[in-house]
Amino acid sequence: MPTTDDDKLLTAEDLEQLTGTPKSTFRYWASIGQGPASFKVGRRRKWKRSSVLSWLAEQERKTSTDRAS
């Protein structure tokens, strides 16, 4: 089954490399229902790349809007 990069499943380590935010922060956010949407595959937490990119864009939009107000 062909997949695109947006379908790629990311680990907390991948998110840390992508954003510079510690992987423990993403795990904590997931445990309290914040941050980008995630789910478990077995015992491992995963994030869909497209969801992470959408969440990052939303964070950028929110902070840009907050500064403009």
PDB file of N, CA and C in Angstrom:
ATOM      1  N   MET A   1       0.849  -1.180   0.000  1.00  0.00           N
ATOM      2  CA  MET A   1       0.000   0.000   0.000  1.00  0.00           C
ATOM      3  C   MET A   1       0.892   1.239   0.000  1.00  0.00           C
ATOM      4  N   PRO A   2       0.785   2.103  -0.999  1.00  0.00           N
ATOM      5  CA  PRO A   2       1.625   3.301  -1.053  1.00  0.00           C
ATOM      6  C   PRO A   2       1.221   4.307   0.022  1.00  0.00           C
ATOM      7  N   THR A   3       2.212   4.977   0.569  1.00  0.00           N
ATOM      8  CA  THR A   3       1.943   6.016   1.564  1.00  0.00           C
ATOM      9  C   THR A   3       2.655   7.295   1.153  1.00  0.00           C
ATOM     10  N   THR A   4       2.166   8.389   1.675  1.00  0.00           N
ATOM     11  CA  THR A   4       2.826   9.669   1.449  1.00  0.00           C
ATOM     12  C   THR A   4       3.577  10.045   2.711  1.00  0.00           C
ATOM     13  N   ASP A   5       4.423  11.055   2.626  1.00  0.00           N
ATOM     14  CA  ASP A   5       5.143  11.518   3.808  1.00  0.00           C
ATOM     15  C   ASP A   5       4.182  11.976   4.893  1.00  0.00           C
ATOM     16  N   ASP A   6       3.027  12.546   4.499  1.00  0.00           N
ATOM     17  CA  ASP A   6       2.057  13.020   5.486  1.00  0.00           C
ATOM     18  C   ASP A   6       1.421  11.875   6.264  1.00  0.00           C
ATOM     19  N   ASP A   7       1.435  10.665   5.704  1.00  0.00           N
ATOM     20  CA  ASP A   7       0.888   9.494   6.387  1.00  0.00           C
ATOM     21  C   ASP A   7       1.897   8.866   7.344  1.00  0.00           C
ATOM     22  N   LYS A   8       3.131   9.315   7.280  1.00  0.00           N
ATOM     23  CA  LYS A   8       4.189   8.720   8.096  1.00  0.00           C
ATOM     24  C   LYS A   8       3.866   8.877   9.580  1.00  0.00           C
ATOM     25  N   LEU A   9       4.112   7.813  10.339  1.00  0.00           N
ATOM     26  CA  LEU A   9       3.912   7.860  11.781  1.00  0.00           C
ATOM     27  C   LEU A   9       5.211   8.274  12.449  1.00  0.00           C
ATOM     28  N   LEU A  10       5.109   9.249  13.334  1.00  0.00           N
ATOM     29  CA  LEU A  10       6.278   9.797  14.011  1.00  0.00           C
ATOM     30  C   LEU A  10       6.311   9.365  15.469  1.00  0.00           C
ATOM     31  N   THR A  11       7.519   9.266  16.006  1.00  0.00           N
ATOM     32  CA  THR A  11       7.720   8.980  17.424  1.00  0.00           C
ATOM     33  C   THR A  11       7.986  10.289  18.152  1.00  0.00           C
ATOM     34  N   ALA A  12       8.018  10.222  19.471  1.00  0.00           N
ATOM     35  CA  ALA A  12       8.351  11.410  20.261  1.00  0.00           C
ATOM     36  C   ALA A  12       9.752  11.909  19.902  1.00  0.00           C
ATOM     37  N   GLU A  13      10.656  10.984  19.608  1.00  0.00           N
ATOM     38  CA  GLU A  13      12.011  11.365  19.199  1.00  0.00           C
ATOM     39  C   GLU A  13      11.986  12.134  17.884  1.00  0.00           C
ATOM     40  N   ASP A  14      11.145  11.687  16.947  1.00  0.00           N
ATOM     41  CA  ASP A  14      11.001  12.396  15.670  1.00  0.00           C
ATOM     42  C   ASP A  14      10.482  13.814  15.896  1.00  0.00           C
ATOM     43  N   LEU A  15       9.511  13.950  16.797  1.00  0.00           N
ATOM     44  CA  LEU A  15       8.945  15.270  17.087  1.00  0.00           C
ATOM     45  C   LEU A  15       9.986  16.181  17.720  1.00  0.00           C
ATOM     46  N   GLU A  16      10.815  15.619  18.573  1.00  0.00           N
ATOM     47  CA  GLU A  16      11.879  16.405  19.197  1.00  0.00           C
ATOM     48  C   GLU A  16      12.839  16.933  18.131  1.00  0.00           C
ATOM     49  N   GLN A  17      13.201  16.089  17.180  1.00  0.00           N
ATOM     50  CA  GLN A  17      14.086  16.528  16.092  1.00  0.00           C
ATOM     51  C   GLN A  17      13.414  17.578  15.216  1.00  0.00           C
ATOM     52  N   LEU A  18      12.141  17.399  14.950  1.00  0.00           N
ATOM     53  CA  LEU A  18      11.398  18.309  14.076  1.00  0.00           C
ATOM     54  C   LEU A  18      11.217  19.687  14.697  1.00  0.00           C
ATOM     55  N   THR A  19      10.939  19.730  16.003  1.00  0.00           N
ATOM     56  CA  THR A  19      10.558  20.993  16.641  1.00  0.00           C
ATOM     57  C   THR A  19      11.573  21.553  17.626  1.00  0.00           C
ATOM     58  N   GLY A  20      12.451  20.704  18.143  1.00  0.00           N
ATOM     59  CA  GLY A  20      13.368  21.146  19.189  1.00  0.00           C
ATOM     60  C   GLY A  20      12.740  21.102  20.575  1.00  0.00           C
ATOM     61  N   THR A  21      11.479  20.711  20.653  1.00  0.00           N
ATOM     62  CA  THR A  21      10.779  20.560  21.931  1.00  0.00           C
ATOM     63  C   THR A  21      11.092  19.171  22.480  1.00  0.00           C
ATOM     64  N   PRO A  22      11.426  19.073  23.773  1.00  0.00           N
ATOM     65  CA  PRO A  22      11.785  17.761  24.329  1.00  0.00           C
ATOM     66  C   PRO A  22      10.687  16.711  24.130  1.00  0.00           C
ATOM     67  N   LYS A  23      11.114  15.489  23.859  1.00  0.00           N
ATOM     68  CA  LYS A  23      10.156  14.399  23.647  1.00  0.00           C
ATOM     69  C   LYS A  23       9.276  14.185  24.869  1.00  0.00           C
ATOM     70  N   SER A  24       9.813  14.449  26.052  1.00  0.00           N
ATOM     71  CA  SER A  24       9.013  14.286  27.275  1.00  0.00           C
ATOM     72  C   SER A  24       7.830  15.253  27.293  1.00  0.00           C
ATOM     73  N   THR A  25       7.992  16.415  26.682  1.00  0.00           N
ATOM     74  CA  THR A  25       6.896  17.386  26.611  1.00  0.00           C
ATOM     75  C   THR A  25       5.756  16.839  25.763  1.00  0.00           C
ATOM     76  N   PHE A  26       6.091  16.255  24.612  1.00  0.00           N
ATOM     77  CA  PHE A  26       5.050  15.674  23.761  1.00  0.00           C
ATOM     78  C   PHE A  26       4.350  14.524  24.468  1.00  0.00           C
ATOM     79  N   ARG A  27       5.095  13.709  25.198  1.00  0.00           N
ATOM     80  CA  ARG A  27       4.476  12.604  25.945  1.00  0.00           C
ATOM     81  C   ARG A  27       3.555  13.148  27.039  1.00  0.00           C
ATOM     82  N   TYR A  28       3.997  14.189  27.723  1.00  0.00           N
ATOM     83  CA  TYR A  28       3.168  14.797  28.767  1.00  0.00           C
ATOM     84  C   TYR A  28       1.894  15.378  28.162  1.00  0.00           C
ATOM     85  N   TRP A  29       2.044  16.152  27.087  1.00  0.00           N
ATOM     86  CA  TRP A  29       0.874  16.729  26.430  1.00  0.00           C
ATOM     87  C   TRP A  29      -0.126  15.639  26.042  1.00  0.00           C
ATOM     88  N   ALA A  30       0.387  14.532  25.498  1.00  0.00           N
ATOM     89  CA  ALA A  30      -0.502  13.431  25.101  1.00  0.00           C
ATOM     90  C   ALA A  30      -1.245  12.882  26.316  1.00  0.00           C
ATOM     91  N   SER A  31      -0.568  12.814  27.456  1.00  0.00           N
ATOM     92  CA  SER A  31      -1.197  12.248  28.657  1.00  0.00           C
ATOM     93  C   SER A  31      -2.301  13.141  29.217  1.00  0.00           C
ATOM     94  N   ILE A  32      -2.239  14.447  28.928  1.00  0.00           N
ATOM     95  CA  ILE A  32      -3.265  15.371  29.432  1.00  0.00           C
ATOM     96  C   ILE A  32      -4.199  15.863  28.322  1.00  0.00           C
ATOM     97  N   GLY A  33      -4.075  15.270  27.137  1.00  0.00           N
ATOM     98  CA  GLY A  33      -4.987  15.609  26.046  1.00  0.00           C
ATOM     99  C   GLY A  33      -4.687  16.921  25.353  1.00  0.00           C
ATOM    100  N   GLN A  34      -3.437  17.364  25.392  1.00  0.00           N
ATOM    101  CA  GLN A  34      -3.047  18.590  24.690  1.00  0.00           C
ATOM    102  C   GLN A  34      -2.036  18.253  23.601  1.00  0.00           C
ATOM    103  N   GLY A  35      -1.616  19.273  22.857  1.00  0.00           N
ATOM    104  CA  GLY A  35      -0.631  19.067  21.800  1.00  0.00           C
ATOM    105  C   GLY A  35      -1.254  18.409  20.587  1.00  0.00           C
ATOM    106  N   PRO A  36      -0.404  17.973  19.655  1.00  0.00           N
ATOM    107  CA  PRO A  36      -0.926  17.345  18.442  1.00  0.00           C
ATOM    108  C   PRO A  36      -1.589  16.004  18.767  1.00  0.00           C
ATOM    109  N   ALA A  37      -2.594  15.652  17.972  1.00  0.00           N
ATOM    110  CA  ALA A  37      -3.310  14.392  18.172  1.00  0.00           C
ATOM    111  C   ALA A  37      -2.346  13.215  18.057  1.00  0.00           C
ATOM    112  N   SER A  38      -2.508  12.260  18.961  1.00  0.00           N
ATOM    113  CA  SER A  38      -1.667  11.066  18.942  1.00  0.00           C
ATOM    114  C   SER A  38      -2.517   9.848  19.259  1.00  0.00           C
ATOM    115  N   PHE A  39      -1.922   8.689  19.077  1.00  0.00           N
ATOM    116  CA  PHE A  39      -2.604   7.434  19.379  1.00  0.00           C
ATOM    117  C   PHE A  39      -1.542   6.391  19.671  1.00  0.00           C
ATOM    118  N   LYS A  40      -1.977   5.267  20.192  1.00  0.00           N
ATOM    119  CA  LYS A  40      -1.033   4.209  20.526  1.00  0.00           C
ATOM    120  C   LYS A  40      -1.090   3.092  19.494  1.00  0.00           C
ATOM    121  N   VAL A  41       0.084   2.594  19.174  1.00  0.00           N
ATOM    122  CA  VAL A  41       0.239   1.394  18.369  1.00  0.00           C
ATOM    123  C   VAL A  41       0.931   0.412  19.310  1.00  0.00           C
ATOM    124  N   GLY A  42       0.165  -0.523  19.809  1.00  0.00           N
ATOM    125  CA  GLY A  42       0.696  -1.379  20.869  1.00  0.00           C
ATOM    126  C   GLY A  42       0.917  -0.529  22.109  1.00  0.00           C
ATOM    127  N   ARG A  43       2.141  -0.529  22.615  1.00  0.00           N
ATOM    128  CA  ARG A  43       2.468   0.288  23.790  1.00  0.00           C
ATOM    129  C   ARG A  43       3.145   1.598  23.413  1.00  0.00           C
ATOM    130  N   ARG A  44       3.334   1.825  22.140  1.00  0.00           N
ATOM    131  CA  ARG A  44       4.059   3.010  21.670  1.00  0.00           C
ATOM    132  C   ARG A  44       3.111   4.103  21.207  1.00  0.00           C
ATOM    133  N   ARG A  45       3.397   5.330  21.611  1.00  0.00           N
ATOM    134  CA  ARG A  45       2.606   6.479  21.173  1.00  0.00           C
ATOM    135  C   ARG A  45       3.152   6.954  19.830  1.00  0.00           C
ATOM    136  N   LYS A  46       2.243   7.265  18.907  1.00  0.00           N
ATOM    137  CA  LYS A  46       2.603   7.728  17.564  1.00  0.00           C
ATOM    138  C   LYS A  46       1.811   8.976  17.218  1.00  0.00           C
ATOM    139  N   TRP A  47       2.385   9.759  16.340  1.00  0.00           N
ATOM    140  CA  TRP A  47       1.745  10.965  15.829  1.00  0.00           C
ATOM    141  C   TRP A  47       1.785  10.884  14.316  1.00  0.00           C
ATOM    142  N   LYS A  48       0.684  11.218  13.671  1.00  0.00           N
ATOM    143  CA  LYS A  48       0.641  11.265  12.214  1.00  0.00           C
ATOM    144  C   LYS A  48       1.292  12.577  11.780  1.00  0.00           C
ATOM    145  N   ARG A  49       2.205  12.503  10.843  1.00  0.00           N
ATOM    146  CA  ARG A  49       2.952  13.686  10.408  1.00  0.00           C
ATOM    147  C   ARG A  49       2.018  14.815   9.978  1.00  0.00           C
ATOM    148  N   SER A  50       0.969  14.482   9.252  1.00  0.00           N
ATOM    149  CA  SER A  50       0.034  15.517   8.791  1.00  0.00           C
ATOM    150  C   SER A  50      -0.650  16.206   9.967  1.00  0.00           C
ATOM    151  N   SER A  51      -0.975  15.456  11.013  1.00  0.00           N
ATOM    152  CA  SER A  51      -1.600  16.050  12.202  1.00  0.00           C
ATOM    153  C   SER A  51      -0.640  16.984  12.919  1.00  0.00           C
ATOM    154  N   VAL A  52       0.617  16.579  12.996  1.00  0.00           N
ATOM    155  CA  VAL A  52       1.631  17.412  13.659  1.00  0.00           C
ATOM    156  C   VAL A  52       1.831  18.707  12.886  1.00  0.00           C
ATOM    157  N   LEU A  53       1.936  18.614  11.565  1.00  0.00           N
ATOM    158  CA  LEU A  53       2.138  19.814  10.752  1.00  0.00           C
ATOM    159  C   LEU A  53       0.937  20.757  10.849  1.00  0.00           C
ATOM    160  N   SER A  54      -0.272  20.200  10.876  1.00  0.00           N
ATOM    161  CA  SER A  54      -1.476  21.027  11.044  1.00  0.00           C
ATOM    162  C   SER A  54      -1.478  21.705  12.402  1.00  0.00           C
ATOM    163  N   TRP A  55      -1.112  20.967  13.440  1.00  0.00           N
ATOM    164  CA  TRP A  55      -1.064  21.517  14.798  1.00  0.00           C
ATOM    165  C   TRP A  55      -0.023  22.635  14.880  1.00  0.00           C
ATOM    166  N   LEU A  56       1.142  22.425  14.273  1.00  0.00           N
ATOM    167  CA  LEU A  56       2.180  23.463  14.277  1.00  0.00           C
ATOM    168  C   LEU A  56       1.696  24.720  13.554  1.00  0.00           C
ATOM    169  N   ALA A  57       1.026  24.544  12.422  1.00  0.00           N
ATOM    170  CA  ALA A  57       0.494  25.695  11.680  1.00  0.00           C
ATOM    171  C   ALA A  57      -0.533  26.442  12.525  1.00  0.00           C
ATOM    172  N   GLU A  58      -1.355  25.706  13.259  1.00  0.00           N
ATOM    173  CA  GLU A  58      -2.356  26.327  14.135  1.00  0.00           C
ATOM    174  C   GLU A  58      -1.673  27.110  15.259  1.00  0.00           C
ATOM    175  N   GLN A  59      -0.602  26.558  15.821  1.00  0.00           N
ATOM    176  CA  GLN A  59       0.130  27.262  16.877  1.00  0.00           C
ATOM    177  C   GLN A  59       0.726  28.559  16.335  1.00  0.00           C
ATOM    178  N   GLU A  60       1.265  28.484  15.124  1.00  0.00           N
ATOM    179  CA  GLU A  60       1.833  29.679  14.494  1.00  0.00           C
ATOM    180  C   GLU A  60       0.740  30.721  14.253  1.00  0.00           C
ATOM    181  N   ARG A  61      -0.407  30.269  13.762  1.00  0.00           N
ATOM    182  CA  ARG A  61      -1.516  31.185  13.500  1.00  0.00           C
ATOM    183  C   ARG A  61      -1.982  31.851  14.793  1.00  0.00           C
ATOM    184  N   LYS A  62      -2.124  31.071  15.849  1.00  0.00           N
ATOM    185  CA  LYS A  62      -2.574  31.616  17.137  1.00  0.00           C
ATOM    186  C   LYS A  62      -1.603  32.652  17.679  1.00  0.00           C
ATOM    187  N   THR A  63      -0.317  32.360  17.623  1.00  0.00           N
ATOM    188  CA  THR A  63       0.651  33.308  18.179  1.00  0.00           C
ATOM    189  C   THR A  63       0.767  34.542  17.301  1.00  0.00           C
ATOM    190  N   SER A  64       0.608  34.386  15.996  1.00  0.00           N
ATOM    191  CA  SER A  64       0.632  35.543  15.098  1.00  0.00           C
ATOM    192  C   SER A  64      -0.578  36.428  15.346  1.00  0.00           C
ATOM    193  N   THR A  65      -1.741  35.815  15.565  1.00  0.00           N
ATOM    194  CA  THR A  65      -2.975  36.553  15.844  1.00  0.00           C
ATOM    195  C   THR A  65      -2.880  37.262  17.184  1.00  0.00           C
ATOM    196  N   ASP A  66      -2.326  36.586  18.189  1.00  0.00           N
ATOM    197  CA  ASP A  66      -2.182  37.182  19.520  1.00  0.00           C
ATOM    198  C   ASP A  66      -1.303  38.431  19.471  1.00  0.00           C
ATOM    199  N   ARG A  67      -0.244  38.393  18.697  1.00  0.00           N
ATOM    200  CA  ARG A  67       0.657  39.544  18.600  1.00  0.00           C
ATOM    201  C   ARG A  67       0.021  40.696  17.841  1.00  0.00           C
ATOM    202  N   ALA A  68      -0.861  40.376  16.891  1.00  0.00           N
ATOM    203  CA  ALA A  68      -1.501  41.418  16.082  1.00  0.00           C
ATOM    204  C   ALA A  68      -2.597  42.153  16.858  1.00  0.00           C
ATOM    205  N   SER A  69      -3.098  41.537  17.918  1.00  0.00           N
ATOM    206  CA  SER A  69      -4.196  42.154  18.694  1.00  0.00           C
ATOM    207  C   SER A  69      -3.710  43.255  19.593  1.00  0.00           C
TER     208      SER A  69
END
